[in-house]
Amino acid sequence: MKKIFNPANYIITVLMFFSLVALGSFFDLEISSFIYKGESNLLCDIVACIGYFPAQLCALAGGVMVLNSDNHKRKLVSFIKGFILFGCMVFAFYYLYDEYFEVYNSYLGIGIAAFVLVIFMVIIFVLTKNYKDKNKLVLFGLFLISISAGSIVANLAFKEIFLRPRMYYISGADAQIGFQKWYSVDRDMIKAIIASGVDDSNFASFPSGHATCSAAMTALWTLAYFVPSCKGKERGLFMVGVIYMLFVCFTRIWCGGHFLSDVVVGMMVSLFTQWVCYEVYLKRTFIKKRK
């Protein structure tokens, strides 16, 4: 864990993100317009759906870990842990419905995605079923659940506060409002536009939900503690998550769903949540115990 959560990495990450936010604050429209392709395509549709996958996977993995940490000695505790897994499943599969069915009206898409999530749950169950350190298992489970839930709750709260119009909306022929900087959105005008019947999803640009959820993929490093072949490879697993995150973020700008500052802040929300959860669940317990 120290390969990832250390002061040097914190400083580099903070400086990088604040530099990108500053860049986006001044040149948001110019940079995003340069990347924006101008029309949706199959790649945009796929990324729009799989962008939420990491948050769903974190929730399910965490729920399964919490369930497998149960020693079945106390019925109430067993019930609570089972209920936690049930809640994680409701969350994960609700997002499947929201993305694959309501947006794309695809029964095939939701079927394939549901199958993938079920297989993933089975794999995590097998990997952690006989794990001896039950305290460690429940801490990692709560860590993953909190990353997923905390990131999404924070993201949705910010969206409701800022109501920023999306790139594809302001570029459309029917747009009733132009480009709005993330820190100076005309919320009164946007509320009036929404009240007139315009879909409020056009005003959920800041921050990017896909960036927030895709950043949860950086929690791949946790595999190093449960998969023998991944032991000692925390940094490499983390970088795989970073590459996935950056790919999703780039395509969200390319497809017109977001501006540069949207995806940067979206990533920041998730990574900050992961750091807080690390401090709460792992650093003060597992790390100290290990010493």
Protein backbone atom coordinates (compact mmCIF):
# COMPACT_ATOMS: atom_id res chain seq x y z
CA MET A 1 0.00 0.00 0.00
CA LYS A 2 2.87 2.35 0.76
CA LYS A 3 3.88 2.17 -2.91
CA ILE A 4 0.67 4.06 -3.70
CA PHE A 5 -0.33 5.96 -0.55
CA ASN A 6 2.77 7.98 0.28
CA PRO A 7 3.53 11.73 0.61
CA ALA A 8 5.45 11.98 -2.68
CA ASN A 9 2.53 10.55 -4.66
CA TYR A 10 0.09 12.81 -2.82
CA ILE A 11 2.08 15.93 -3.76
CA ILE A 12 2.47 14.91 -7.40
CA THR A 13 -1.23 14.05 -7.71
CA VAL A 14 -2.44 17.27 -6.08
CA LEU A 15 -0.16 19.46 -8.22
CA MET A 16 -1.17 17.64 -11.41
CA PHE A 17 -4.88 17.88 -10.77
CA PHE A 18 -4.85 21.49 -9.65
CA SER A 19 -2.84 22.37 -12.76
CA LEU A 20 -5.44 20.67 -14.94
CA VAL A 21 -8.30 22.39 -13.12
CA ALA A 22 -6.58 25.74 -13.61
CA LEU A 23 -6.03 24.96 -17.29
CA GLY A 24 -9.66 23.96 -17.64
CA SER A 25 -10.83 27.09 -15.86
CA PHE A 26 -9.19 29.32 -18.46
CA PHE A 27 -9.26 27.19 -21.64
CA ASP A 28 -12.07 24.73 -20.98
CA LEU A 29 -14.09 25.47 -24.11
CA GLU A 30 -11.08 25.70 -26.42
CA ILE A 31 -9.50 22.42 -25.29
CA SER A 32 -12.77 20.51 -25.11
CA SER A 33 -13.92 21.81 -28.52
CA PHE A 34 -10.64 20.66 -30.04
CA ILE A 35 -11.20 17.12 -28.70
CA TYR A 36 -14.97 16.99 -29.31
CA LYS A 37 -15.81 14.86 -32.37
CA GLY A 38 -19.30 16.29 -32.81
CA GLU A 39 -21.37 13.14 -33.09
CA SER A 40 -22.06 9.99 -31.13
CA ASN A 41 -20.88 6.58 -32.34
CA LEU A 42 -20.58 2.99 -31.16
CA LEU A 43 -17.44 3.72 -29.13
CA CYS A 44 -19.22 6.54 -27.31
CA ASP A 45 -22.13 4.26 -26.50
CA ILE A 46 -19.87 1.49 -25.20
CA VAL A 47 -17.81 3.82 -23.03
CA ALA A 48 -20.98 5.50 -21.72
CA CYS A 49 -22.03 2.07 -20.44
CA ILE A 50 -18.75 0.60 -19.19
CA GLY A 51 -17.66 3.85 -17.54
CA TYR A 52 -19.75 2.96 -14.49
CA PHE A 53 -18.47 -0.62 -14.34
CA PRO A 54 -15.55 0.00 -11.91
CA ALA A 55 -17.85 1.52 -9.28
CA GLN A 56 -20.26 -1.39 -9.70
CA LEU A 57 -17.43 -3.92 -9.44
CA CYS A 58 -16.06 -2.22 -6.30
CA ALA A 59 -19.47 -2.36 -4.65
CA LEU A 60 -20.00 -6.03 -5.52
CA ALA A 61 -16.47 -7.08 -4.54
CA GLY A 62 -16.82 -5.24 -1.25
CA GLY A 63 -20.21 -6.81 -0.55
CA VAL A 64 -18.92 -10.32 -1.23
CA MET A 65 -15.85 -9.72 0.98
CA VAL A 66 -18.03 -8.50 3.85
CA LEU A 67 -20.25 -11.57 3.48
CA ASN A 68 -17.25 -13.94 3.41
CA SER A 69 -15.83 -12.32 6.53
CA ASP A 70 -18.77 -13.70 8.52
CA ASN A 71 -18.03 -16.56 10.93
CA HIS A 72 -21.76 -17.40 11.32
CA LYS A 73 -21.60 -17.20 15.12
CA ARG A 74 -24.08 -14.33 15.49
CA LYS A 75 -27.27 -14.32 13.45
CA LEU A 76 -27.77 -10.56 13.61
CA VAL A 77 -24.25 -9.90 12.32
CA SER A 78 -24.76 -12.46 9.55
CA PHE A 79 -28.04 -10.78 8.59
CA ILE A 80 -26.42 -7.32 8.48
CA LYS A 81 -23.55 -8.57 6.30
CA GLY A 82 -26.00 -10.31 3.97
CA PHE A 83 -28.05 -7.12 3.78
CA ILE A 84 -24.91 -5.14 2.87
CA LEU A 85 -24.26 -7.49 -0.05
CA PHE A 86 -27.91 -7.21 -1.12
CA GLY A 87 -27.62 -3.40 -1.08
CA CYS A 88 -24.47 -3.56 -3.20
CA MET A 89 -26.26 -5.81 -5.71
CA VAL A 90 -29.25 -3.45 -5.90
CA PHE A 91 -26.91 -0.52 -6.55
CA ALA A 92 -24.87 -2.35 -9.22
CA PHE A 93 -27.82 -3.77 -11.12
CA TYR A 94 -29.80 -0.53 -10.91
CA TYR A 95 -27.02 1.20 -12.80
CA LEU A 96 -27.20 -1.54 -15.44
CA TYR A 97 -30.88 -0.75 -15.92
CA ASP A 98 -30.24 2.98 -15.93
CA GLU A 99 -27.46 2.85 -18.52
CA TYR A 100 -28.26 -0.10 -20.79
CA PHE A 101 -32.04 -0.08 -20.81
CA GLU A 102 -33.30 3.43 -20.11
CA VAL A 103 -30.61 5.11 -22.22
CA TYR A 104 -30.08 2.58 -25.01
CA ASN A 105 -33.18 0.38 -24.65
CA SER A 106 -30.96 -2.68 -24.95
CA TYR A 107 -32.07 -5.96 -23.42
CA LEU A 108 -28.98 -7.63 -24.91
CA GLY A 109 -26.70 -5.05 -23.32
CA ILE A 110 -28.20 -5.39 -19.86
CA GLY A 111 -28.15 -9.20 -20.17
CA ILE A 112 -24.46 -9.34 -21.10
CA ALA A 113 -23.48 -6.80 -18.43
CA ALA A 114 -25.50 -8.62 -15.75
CA PHE A 115 -23.81 -11.89 -16.72
CA VAL A 116 -20.37 -10.26 -16.40
CA LEU A 117 -21.21 -8.88 -12.94
CA VAL A 118 -22.52 -12.25 -11.72
CA ILE A 119 -19.38 -14.04 -12.95
CA PHE A 120 -17.27 -11.38 -11.24
CA MET A 121 -19.12 -11.94 -7.96
CA VAL A 122 -18.52 -15.68 -8.20
CA ILE A 123 -14.79 -15.13 -8.82
CA ILE A 124 -14.44 -12.81 -5.82
CA PHE A 125 -16.44 -15.24 -3.70
CA VAL A 126 -14.09 -18.12 -4.59
CA LEU A 127 -10.96 -15.99 -4.05
CA THR A 128 -12.01 -14.81 -0.59
CA LYS A 129 -14.21 -17.63 0.74
CA ASN A 130 -11.44 -19.35 2.72
CA TYR A 131 -9.43 -16.25 3.52
CA LYS A 132 -8.18 -16.68 7.07
CA ASP A 133 -7.90 -13.07 8.26
CA LYS A 134 -11.60 -12.17 8.55
CA ASN A 135 -10.90 -8.72 10.04
CA LYS A 136 -8.69 -7.82 7.11
CA LEU A 137 -11.33 -9.12 4.70
CA VAL A 138 -14.15 -7.01 6.16
CA LEU A 139 -11.94 -3.89 6.19
CA PHE A 140 -11.08 -4.28 2.53
CA GLY A 141 -14.74 -4.95 1.77
CA LEU A 142 -15.90 -1.80 3.53
CA PHE A 143 -13.07 0.10 1.85
CA LEU A 144 -14.29 -0.90 -1.63
CA ILE A 145 -17.96 -0.26 -0.83
CA SER A 146 -17.16 3.17 0.58
CA ILE A 147 -15.11 4.13 -2.48
CA SER A 148 -18.05 3.30 -4.72
CA ALA A 149 -20.84 4.81 -2.59
CA GLY A 150 -18.89 7.85 -1.41
CA SER A 151 -17.71 8.79 -4.89
CA ILE A 152 -21.15 8.55 -6.46
CA VAL A 153 -22.97 10.39 -3.67
CA ALA A 154 -20.45 13.23 -3.82
CA ASN A 155 -20.66 13.34 -7.60
CA LEU A 156 -24.46 13.51 -7.66
CA ALA A 157 -24.45 16.23 -5.01
CA PHE A 158 -22.07 18.37 -7.08
CA LYS A 159 -24.19 17.86 -10.21
CA GLU A 160 -27.27 19.15 -8.40
CA ILE A 161 -25.36 22.18 -7.16
CA PHE A 162 -23.68 23.24 -10.41
CA LEU A 163 -26.24 22.27 -13.13
CA ARG A 164 -23.67 22.83 -15.86
CA PRO A 165 -24.86 22.31 -19.47
CA ARG A 166 -23.12 19.61 -21.48
CA MET A 167 -20.98 20.17 -24.54
CA TYR A 168 -23.38 18.41 -26.91
CA TYR A 169 -26.29 20.51 -25.61
CA ILE A 170 -24.69 23.92 -26.10
CA SER A 171 -23.49 22.74 -29.54
CA GLY A 172 -26.98 21.75 -30.63
CA ALA A 173 -29.33 23.83 -32.76
CA ASP A 174 -31.96 23.95 -29.99
CA ALA A 175 -29.62 25.13 -27.22
CA GLN A 176 -31.14 27.88 -25.07
CA ILE A 177 -27.91 28.70 -23.29
CA GLY A 178 -24.24 28.88 -24.26
CA PHE A 179 -20.99 27.75 -22.65
CA GLN A 180 -20.85 28.14 -18.87
CA LYS A 181 -17.65 28.02 -16.83
CA TRP A 182 -17.91 25.50 -14.02
CA TYR A 183 -17.57 28.17 -11.33
CA SER A 184 -20.04 30.68 -12.80
CA VAL A 185 -23.06 28.73 -14.04
CA ASP A 186 -26.29 30.73 -14.43
CA ARG A 187 -28.39 28.36 -12.31
CA ASP A 188 -31.55 30.50 -12.41
CA MET A 189 -31.62 30.46 -16.20
CA ILE A 190 -30.95 26.73 -16.31
CA LYS A 191 -33.74 26.02 -13.81
CA ALA A 192 -36.08 28.03 -16.02
CA ILE A 193 -34.98 26.02 -19.07
CA ILE A 194 -35.56 22.74 -17.24
CA ALA A 195 -38.97 23.98 -16.09
CA SER A 196 -39.85 24.62 -19.74
CA GLY A 197 -39.53 20.89 -20.45
CA VAL A 198 -35.89 20.40 -21.45
CA ASP A 199 -34.39 17.15 -20.13
CA ASP A 200 -32.40 17.91 -16.97
CA SER A 201 -29.74 15.34 -17.98
CA ASN A 202 -28.46 18.02 -20.38
CA PHE A 203 -27.39 19.99 -17.30
CA ALA A 204 -25.40 17.35 -15.41
CA SER A 205 -21.98 17.99 -16.89
CA PHE A 206 -20.01 18.96 -13.79
CA PRO A 207 -18.41 16.84 -12.51
CA SER A 208 -18.34 13.79 -14.76
CA GLY A 209 -20.01 10.73 -13.27
CA HIS A 210 -18.19 8.47 -15.70
CA ALA A 211 -14.84 9.95 -14.65
CA THR A 212 -15.71 9.43 -10.99
CA CYS A 213 -16.83 5.83 -11.48
CA SER A 214 -14.00 4.89 -13.85
CA ALA A 215 -11.46 6.22 -11.34
CA ALA A 216 -12.64 3.48 -8.97
CA MET A 217 -10.70 1.12 -11.27
CA THR A 218 -7.51 2.36 -9.59
CA ALA A 219 -8.57 0.23 -6.61
CA LEU A 220 -7.33 -2.76 -8.62
CA TRP A 221 -4.27 -2.67 -6.36
CA THR A 222 -6.33 -4.46 -3.71
CA LEU A 223 -6.00 -7.66 -5.77
CA ALA A 224 -2.39 -7.84 -4.61
CA TYR A 225 -3.68 -8.89 -1.18
CA PHE A 226 -6.01 -11.65 -2.36
CA VAL A 227 -4.56 -13.07 -5.59
CA PRO A 228 -1.16 -14.75 -5.08
CA SER A 229 0.01 -14.00 -8.63
CA CYS A 230 -0.63 -10.27 -8.05
CA LYS A 231 1.34 -10.05 -4.82
CA GLY A 232 3.79 -7.13 -4.82
CA LYS A 233 2.28 -5.65 -7.98
CA GLU A 234 0.19 -2.93 -6.36
CA ARG A 235 1.73 -0.12 -8.38
CA GLY A 236 1.29 -1.92 -11.70
CA LEU A 237 -2.35 -2.72 -10.93
CA PHE A 238 -2.93 0.87 -9.91
CA MET A 239 -1.49 2.09 -13.24
CA VAL A 240 -3.79 -0.25 -15.18
CA GLY A 241 -6.67 1.48 -13.41
CA VAL A 242 -5.23 4.89 -14.26
CA ILE A 243 -5.01 4.00 -17.98
CA TYR A 244 -8.63 2.81 -17.97
CA MET A 245 -9.70 5.99 -16.16
CA LEU A 246 -7.91 8.28 -18.62
CA PHE A 247 -9.37 6.40 -21.61
CA VAL A 248 -12.92 6.82 -20.30
CA CYS A 249 -12.32 10.50 -19.49
CA PHE A 250 -10.89 11.27 -22.93
CA THR A 251 -13.78 9.59 -24.73
CA ARG A 252 -16.32 11.47 -22.62
CA ILE A 253 -14.88 14.76 -23.91
CA TRP A 254 -14.53 13.34 -27.43
CA CYS A 255 -18.21 12.34 -27.46
CA GLY A 256 -19.41 15.72 -26.13
CA GLY A 257 -20.64 14.52 -22.77
CA HIS A 258 -18.23 16.66 -20.77
CA PHE A 259 -15.61 19.39 -20.70
CA LEU A 260 -12.02 18.99 -19.53
CA SER A 261 -12.72 20.43 -16.07
CA ASP A 262 -15.67 18.05 -15.65
CA VAL A 263 -13.58 14.90 -16.02
CA VAL A 264 -10.66 16.28 -14.01
CA VAL A 265 -12.85 17.11 -11.02
CA GLY A 266 -14.69 13.80 -11.45
CA MET A 267 -11.39 11.94 -11.12
CA MET A 268 -10.42 14.08 -8.14
CA VAL A 269 -13.66 13.25 -6.32
CA SER A 270 -13.06 9.50 -6.66
CA LEU A 271 -9.34 9.53 -5.84
CA PHE A 272 -9.91 11.77 -2.83
CA THR A 273 -12.65 9.41 -1.63
CA GLN A 274 -10.27 6.48 -2.03
CA TRP A 275 -7.61 8.26 0.01
CA VAL A 276 -10.11 9.07 2.80
CA CYS A 277 -11.34 5.46 2.85
CA TYR A 278 -7.74 4.23 3.00
CA GLU A 279 -7.08 6.47 6.00
CA VAL A 280 -10.28 5.32 7.75
CA TYR A 281 -10.27 1.58 7.07
CA LEU A 282 -6.75 0.45 6.26
CA LYS A 283 -3.97 2.73 7.44
CA ARG A 284 -4.92 2.88 11.12
CA THR A 285 -5.81 -0.78 11.38
CA PHE A 286 -4.20 -3.18 8.94
CA ILE A 287 -0.96 -1.22 8.47
CA LYS A 288 -0.38 -0.76 12.22
CA LYS A 289 -1.25 -4.37 12.88
CA ARG A 290 1.23 -5.44 10.26
CA LYS A 291 4.02 -3.51 11.97
